[in-house]
Amino acid sequence: MFEYELHKVMHAELIRRAGLQRLAREAYRARRARRNLPEESGRTVSTSGVRDRFTPAA
C-alpha cells in the first residue's frame, strides 16, 4: 500500500512540474512574440529642423 501512495504523490509532483514548465514556455513565447511586434507606442517623428541638417542637392 505504501508504494501505491508514494506513486500517487510522485505522479502528482510530475504533473505539477509539467504544468510549471508549460507555463514558463508560454510566458517565454509571449515575451518573444511581443518583442517581435512592430512598435506602435504612439511615438511621433519630429520633422522640425530636418532641412537645416542637410545641404541642398545640386
Protein backbone atom coordinates (compact mmCIF):
# COMPACT_ATOMS: atom_id res chain seq x y z
CA MET A 1 0.00 0.00 0.00
CA PHE A 2 2.86 2.36 0.78
CA GLU A 3 4.26 2.01 -2.76
CA TYR A 4 0.89 2.97 -4.24
CA GLU A 5 0.64 6.10 -2.10
CA LEU A 6 4.21 7.03 -2.99
CA HIS A 7 3.37 6.53 -6.65
CA LYS A 8 0.36 8.84 -6.37
CA VAL A 9 2.48 11.55 -4.71
CA MET A 10 5.23 11.27 -7.34
CA HIS A 11 2.64 11.31 -10.13
CA ALA A 12 1.06 14.49 -8.74
CA GLU A 13 4.51 16.10 -8.42
CA LEU A 14 5.39 15.29 -12.02
CA ILE A 15 2.09 16.74 -13.23
CA ARG A 16 2.73 19.90 -11.21
CA ARG A 17 6.25 20.28 -12.65
CA ALA A 18 4.98 19.72 -16.18
CA GLY A 19 2.40 22.46 -15.66
CA LEU A 20 5.04 24.88 -14.42
CA GLN A 21 7.31 24.14 -17.38
CA ARG A 22 4.42 24.64 -19.78
CA LEU A 23 3.59 27.97 -18.16
CA ALA A 24 7.23 29.08 -18.40
CA ARG A 25 7.37 28.17 -22.10
CA GLU A 26 4.15 30.08 -22.78
CA ALA A 27 5.49 33.15 -20.99
CA TYR A 28 8.76 32.94 -22.94
CA ARG A 29 6.91 32.67 -26.25
CA ALA A 30 4.62 35.56 -25.35
CA ARG A 31 7.57 37.81 -24.46
CA ARG A 32 9.35 36.82 -27.66
CA ALA A 33 6.24 37.48 -29.78
CA ARG A 34 5.69 40.85 -28.11
CA ARG A 35 9.32 41.79 -28.75
CA ASN A 36 8.96 40.97 -32.47
CA LEU A 37 5.84 43.06 -32.98
CA PRO A 38 6.21 46.44 -34.68
CA GLU A 39 6.36 49.17 -32.10
CA GLU A 40 3.22 51.27 -32.04
CA SER A 41 3.62 53.10 -28.79
CA GLY A 42 2.29 56.39 -30.13
CA ARG A 43 5.66 57.97 -30.76
CA THR A 44 5.74 60.70 -33.36
CA VAL A 45 8.61 61.56 -35.61
CA SER A 46 9.76 65.13 -35.31
CA THR A 47 10.42 66.76 -38.68
CA SER A 48 11.35 70.15 -37.35
CA GLY A 49 14.87 71.15 -38.31
CA VAL A 50 15.33 68.37 -40.85
CA ARG A 51 16.11 70.81 -43.67
CA ASP A 52 18.71 72.56 -41.56
CA ARG A 53 20.78 69.41 -41.14
CA PHE A 54 21.18 68.55 -44.83
CA THR A 55 22.83 70.52 -47.60
CA PRO A 56 20.77 71.24 -50.70
CA ALA A 57 21.25 68.95 -53.65
CA ALA A 58 22.99 70.40 -56.70
